[in-house]
Amino acid sequence: MTTPLPALRRWLTRHPRAADLLLVCTLIVFDVLIWADHSTDQGLLRPALIVAQVTPLIWRRTHPWVALALVSAFSLIQGMTAPPDDHTGGLFVAFAGYAVARHARPPLSAAAIPLVAATLLVPDLIRPWLGMPPSTDPGWSVTALLLLLTVCAGAWSLGFAHRRTHLYAVRLRAEQERSTRRALAAERARIARDLHDLIAHHVSVIAMQARSTAETLPGEPGLAVIGTSADTALTEMRRMVGLLTDDHDGPQPSLAHLDRLAAPARTAGCHVEITMPGHLDVPAAVQITAYRIIQEALTNVLKHAGATTVDLTLRQAPGNLTVTVTNGPPQTARPPAPPGSGLGLIGMRERTALFEGAFSADWTPEGGWRVEAVLTWQDT
């Protein structure tokens, strides 16, 4: 069940303008309540200046410099008209400076540091010239000025750090999407190559039988056409997948070669136990898919678990084949493997989907990993 706070956060993330409007309204209400509770001035100038200062923050994402200029201007007016101890506009100016660092391009955005500092400093310097009561602070010492600049630089640095984090996250998401698309394209190309090798065999048999029959029955011109069409189809198929290169990393895909497929894992120290029926009546395309899934699963075992126990089980039922690869936790302490890209799981899931099957991969209660794929087909 979704709790209200995360749901509200996601909604505000999808509607940034509504989030900005909510922020502005909250700041206005907060500052007006403070003014009404502490100020003896009951005029409308101060509430109007509060609204004027905070409202430009609505455009802080799209026009950060404009927002900072307007907030600074109205903050100066308030600083030169309000009582010295009744001026809280510095908070809004600092927030606008943060918005410039967050949404404007560096290094020009660093100009917000002296602008914010000047906005906070100028009212105390001008008030005596206007015949207004001086600030409660007797004067701006060098230490106070450095402290002010440090605070302004801190607000800018915080916004700049958030900007870099956001841009990095955007680039990371884009790279993950590109990696996923490349993985899907590569796996589909590999599947196409496997299917090509499978279909090419059957087409070659059709062409050979058609030509043999045509020699036996020379009066049947249609047989020669069948042979020629089969040859043409085979040529076009090879031309279409000619660029889909695939390094042959092991024996040709066949469930009869599982011992050879498991040999590298056994050499690396894994105890691989294979359980399968004595006779498998499985279509060739299903065998290729099952072989590739087992191959990827064993690769993941070596990468993430190292030398451990592996149970490889094949179960056949009418119209489906279930492949299960379960490994135990690492038998010895080993440095953690780098986080996986998830592209191997994408490939296994993509292959399983071709046969309208079900795929699952998850941790086991013992701390190992279990991969299961159910491949289905129509019995003829």
Foldseek 3Di string as FASTA:
>chain_A
DDDPPVVVVVVCVVPVLVVLVVVLVVQLVVLVVVCVVPPPDPDCPVSVLSNQLSVLSSCLQPCLPVNLVRNLVSLLVCLQPPPQVSRPSLVSNLLSLLSLLQHPDPPVSVVSLVVSLCSVPVSQVCNVVVVHDHHPPPDQDPVNSVVSSVSSVVSSVVSNVNNVVVVVVVVVVVVLVVVLVVLVVLLVLVLLVLVLVVVLVVLVVLLVVLVVVCVVVVVDVVSNVSNVVSVVVNVVSCVVSVVSDDDDDFDDQAPVCVVRLCVVLVVQQAAEAEEEDPDDPDDPSVSNLLSLLVSLVSVVCCQFATHWYWYWYWDDDVFKIKTKIKTAHHPDDDPGGPDDSCSSVVSNVVSLVVQVWDWDWDADPRGIIMIMIMGGDDDD
